[in-house]
Amino acid sequence: MQIRLGKINPEKGFFYYYLPNWTLSMWKLFYNIDFTLQEIRLKISTATDNLLLEKSLHNPTGLFFFNYKNSEELKIEYYYNNKRLLSISSKIDSKLTDDKIYFSSGGWISRMVGDGN
């Protein structure tokens, strides 16, 4: 699995993901559930639970943009049927210049849960 989180300007963030088949297979085995990629939902919110983006996934690779002005820590979560499959916490570094896009891919897995909490 690969994710990239960053800013394209001071007020807009982006989230890129790549979920290979082996990641989906691992989730199916680990949680003992059967699902398709289209049943997975991506949710991005701030640490204070301000929802920034919520989308269904339709492809193993995707790019989403969202409004994001401050440097608050973000929560990136993947869900199936209200069951959280993965939760990642990260902070976007605000080192932007006028002539380049700064990428920050430093996130860490905060927890993997099987109880939907």
C-alpha atoms as a PDB file:
ATOM      1  CA  MET A   1       0.000   0.000   0.000  1.00  0.00           C
ATOM      2  CA  GLN A   2       1.218   3.472  -0.822  1.00  0.00           C
ATOM      3  CA  ILE A   3      -0.101   6.866   0.240  1.00  0.00           C
ATOM      4  CA  ARG A   4       1.066  10.420  -0.330  1.00  0.00           C
ATOM      5  CA  LEU A   5      -0.277  13.382   1.528  1.00  0.00           C
ATOM      6  CA  GLY A   6       0.703  16.961   0.790  1.00  0.00           C
ATOM      7  CA  LYS A   7      -0.289  20.473  -0.243  1.00  0.00           C
ATOM      8  CA  ILE A   8      -0.514  22.026  -3.683  1.00  0.00           C
ATOM      9  CA  ASN A   9      -1.016  25.541  -2.322  1.00  0.00           C
ATOM     10  CA  PRO A  10      -1.519  27.089   1.134  1.00  0.00           C
ATOM     11  CA  GLU A  11      -5.257  26.274   1.129  1.00  0.00           C
ATOM     12  CA  LYS A  12      -5.540  22.966  -0.724  1.00  0.00           C
ATOM     13  CA  GLY A  13      -4.242  19.522   0.198  1.00  0.00           C
ATOM     14  CA  PHE A  14      -4.078  16.299  -1.794  1.00  0.00           C
ATOM     15  CA  PHE A  15      -4.194  12.606  -0.993  1.00  0.00           C
ATOM     16  CA  TYR A  16      -2.857   9.954  -3.389  1.00  0.00           C
ATOM     17  CA  TYR A  17      -3.368   6.259  -2.705  1.00  0.00           C
ATOM     18  CA  TYR A  18      -2.425   2.941  -4.261  1.00  0.00           C
ATOM     19  CA  LEU A  19      -4.069  -0.202  -2.863  1.00  0.00           C
ATOM     20  CA  PRO A  20      -2.634  -3.301  -4.547  1.00  0.00           C
ATOM     21  CA  ASN A  21      -4.592  -6.559  -4.574  1.00  0.00           C
ATOM     22  CA  TRP A  22      -2.393  -8.037  -1.841  1.00  0.00           C
ATOM     23  CA  THR A  23      -3.467  -5.260   0.563  1.00  0.00           C
ATOM     24  CA  LEU A  24      -7.142  -6.022  -0.044  1.00  0.00           C
ATOM     25  CA  SER A  25      -6.434  -9.752   0.324  1.00  0.00           C
ATOM     26  CA  MET A  26      -4.653  -9.115   3.621  1.00  0.00           C
ATOM     27  CA  TRP A  27      -7.619  -7.106   4.961  1.00  0.00           C
ATOM     28  CA  LYS A  28     -10.038  -9.849   3.860  1.00  0.00           C
ATOM     29  CA  LEU A  29      -7.976 -12.499   5.622  1.00  0.00           C
ATOM     30  CA  PHE A  30      -7.220 -10.440   8.738  1.00  0.00           C
ATOM     31  CA  TYR A  31     -10.824  -9.335   9.315  1.00  0.00           C
ATOM     32  CA  ASN A  32     -12.456 -12.494   7.881  1.00  0.00           C
ATOM     33  CA  ILE A  33     -14.744 -10.518   5.548  1.00  0.00           C
ATOM     34  CA  ASP A  34     -15.366 -10.510   1.815  1.00  0.00           C
ATOM     35  CA  PHE A  35     -15.686  -7.194  -0.022  1.00  0.00           C
ATOM     36  CA  THR A  36     -14.884  -5.442  -3.278  1.00  0.00           C
ATOM     37  CA  LEU A  37     -12.795  -2.319  -3.735  1.00  0.00           C
ATOM     38  CA  GLN A  38     -15.968  -0.320  -4.448  1.00  0.00           C
ATOM     39  CA  GLU A  39     -17.234  -1.093  -0.931  1.00  0.00           C
ATOM     40  CA  ILE A  40     -14.205   0.592   0.687  1.00  0.00           C
ATOM     41  CA  ARG A  41     -14.615   4.184   1.871  1.00  0.00           C
ATOM     42  CA  LEU A  42     -11.817   6.666   2.471  1.00  0.00           C
ATOM     43  CA  LYS A  43     -12.307   9.288   5.175  1.00  0.00           C
ATOM     44  CA  ILE A  44      -9.917  12.172   5.890  1.00  0.00           C
ATOM     45  CA  SER A  45     -10.554  14.351   8.933  1.00  0.00           C
ATOM     46  CA  THR A  46      -8.622  16.577  11.291  1.00  0.00           C
ATOM     47  CA  ALA A  47      -7.532  15.441  14.739  1.00  0.00           C
ATOM     48  CA  THR A  48     -10.554  17.350  16.089  1.00  0.00           C
ATOM     49  CA  ASP A  49     -12.893  15.309  13.823  1.00  0.00           C
ATOM     50  CA  ASN A  50     -13.568  18.040  11.260  1.00  0.00           C
ATOM     51  CA  LEU A  51     -14.423  15.996   8.139  1.00  0.00           C
ATOM     52  CA  LEU A  52     -12.418  17.113   5.085  1.00  0.00           C
ATOM     53  CA  LEU A  53     -13.141  14.308   2.604  1.00  0.00           C
ATOM     54  CA  GLU A  54     -15.166  11.106   2.403  1.00  0.00           C
ATOM     55  CA  LYS A  55     -15.186   9.050  -0.803  1.00  0.00           C
ATOM     56  CA  SER A  56     -15.864   5.553  -2.075  1.00  0.00           C
ATOM     57  CA  LEU A  57     -12.950   3.955  -3.890  1.00  0.00           C
ATOM     58  CA  HIS A  58     -13.498   2.823  -7.476  1.00  0.00           C
ATOM     59  CA  ASN A  59      -9.934   2.172  -8.590  1.00  0.00           C
ATOM     60  CA  PRO A  60      -6.837   0.740  -6.900  1.00  0.00           C
ATOM     61  CA  THR A  61      -5.157   4.127  -7.531  1.00  0.00           C
ATOM     62  CA  GLY A  62      -6.647   7.541  -6.886  1.00  0.00           C
ATOM     63  CA  LEU A  63      -5.966  11.199  -6.234  1.00  0.00           C
ATOM     64  CA  PHE A  64      -8.250  13.446  -4.179  1.00  0.00           C
ATOM     65  CA  PHE A  65      -8.057  17.138  -3.317  1.00  0.00           C
ATOM     66  CA  PHE A  66      -9.484  18.819  -0.231  1.00  0.00           C
ATOM     67  CA  ASN A  67      -9.507  22.247   1.436  1.00  0.00           C
ATOM     68  CA  TYR A  68      -6.983  22.439   4.253  1.00  0.00           C
ATOM     69  CA  LYS A  69      -5.553  25.690   5.592  1.00  0.00           C
ATOM     70  CA  ASN A  70      -3.843  24.891   8.878  1.00  0.00           C
ATOM     71  CA  SER A  71      -1.201  22.409   9.957  1.00  0.00           C
ATOM     72  CA  GLU A  72      -3.412  20.301  12.209  1.00  0.00           C
ATOM     73  CA  GLU A  73      -2.736  16.558  12.273  1.00  0.00           C
ATOM     74  CA  LEU A  74      -4.913  14.553   9.888  1.00  0.00           C
ATOM     75  CA  LYS A  75      -6.543  11.154  10.283  1.00  0.00           C
ATOM     76  CA  ILE A  76      -6.783   8.976   7.177  1.00  0.00           C
ATOM     77  CA  GLU A  77      -9.094   6.002   7.597  1.00  0.00           C
ATOM     78  CA  TYR A  78     -10.296   3.187   5.356  1.00  0.00           C
ATOM     79  CA  TYR A  79     -13.722   1.704   6.153  1.00  0.00           C
ATOM     80  CA  TYR A  80     -15.834  -1.236   5.047  1.00  0.00           C
ATOM     81  CA  ASN A  81     -19.443  -1.331   6.276  1.00  0.00           C
ATOM     82  CA  ASN A  82     -18.640   1.060   9.170  1.00  0.00           C
ATOM     83  CA  LYS A  83     -15.749  -1.211  10.207  1.00  0.00           C
ATOM     84  CA  ARG A  84     -12.421   0.615  10.275  1.00  0.00           C
ATOM     85  CA  LEU A  85      -9.804  -1.355   8.359  1.00  0.00           C
ATOM     86  CA  LEU A  86      -6.878   1.023   8.795  1.00  0.00           C
ATOM     87  CA  SER A  87      -6.215   4.297  10.586  1.00  0.00           C
ATOM     88  CA  ILE A  88      -3.220   6.491   9.748  1.00  0.00           C
ATOM     89  CA  SER A  89      -2.232   9.777  11.381  1.00  0.00           C
ATOM     90  CA  SER A  90      -0.081  12.327   9.602  1.00  0.00           C
ATOM     91  CA  LYS A  91       0.673  16.019   9.457  1.00  0.00           C
ATOM     92  CA  ILE A  92       1.206  17.962   6.233  1.00  0.00           C
ATOM     93  CA  ASP A  93       4.430  19.919   6.274  1.00  0.00           C
ATOM     94  CA  SER A  94       3.761  23.504   5.226  1.00  0.00           C
ATOM     95  CA  LYS A  95       7.127  24.143   3.532  1.00  0.00           C
ATOM     96  CA  LEU A  96       5.775  25.540   0.257  1.00  0.00           C
ATOM     97  CA  THR A  97       7.444  27.819  -2.239  1.00  0.00           C
ATOM     98  CA  ASP A  98       5.890  29.502  -5.259  1.00  0.00           C
ATOM     99  CA  ASP A  99       7.661  27.323  -7.798  1.00  0.00           C
ATOM    100  CA  LYS A 100       7.367  23.798  -6.444  1.00  0.00           C
ATOM    101  CA  ILE A 101       5.020  21.349  -4.799  1.00  0.00           C
ATOM    102  CA  TYR A 102       6.233  19.996  -1.486  1.00  0.00           C
ATOM    103  CA  PHE A 103       5.346  16.358  -0.841  1.00  0.00           C
ATOM    104  CA  SER A 104       5.138  14.937   2.636  1.00  0.00           C
ATOM    105  CA  SER A 105       4.582  11.202   2.815  1.00  0.00           C
ATOM    106  CA  GLY A 106       5.554  10.732   6.442  1.00  0.00           C
ATOM    107  CA  GLY A 107       2.558   9.027   7.996  1.00  0.00           C
ATOM    108  CA  TRP A 108       2.486   6.228  10.468  1.00  0.00           C
ATOM    109  CA  ILE A 109       0.007   3.506  11.237  1.00  0.00           C
ATOM    110  CA  SER A 110      -1.573   4.516  14.500  1.00  0.00           C
ATOM    111  CA  ARG A 111      -3.537   1.313  14.935  1.00  0.00           C
ATOM    112  CA  MET A 112      -5.162  -1.539  13.118  1.00  0.00           C
ATOM    113  CA  VAL A 113      -8.433  -2.509  14.704  1.00  0.00           C
ATOM    114  CA  GLY A 114     -10.888  -5.327  14.255  1.00  0.00           C
ATOM    115  CA  ASP A 115     -13.709  -4.102  16.456  1.00  0.00           C
ATOM    116  CA  GLY A 116     -14.806  -1.100  14.379  1.00  0.00           C
ATOM    117  CA  ASN A 117     -13.583   1.447  16.944  1.00  0.00           C
END
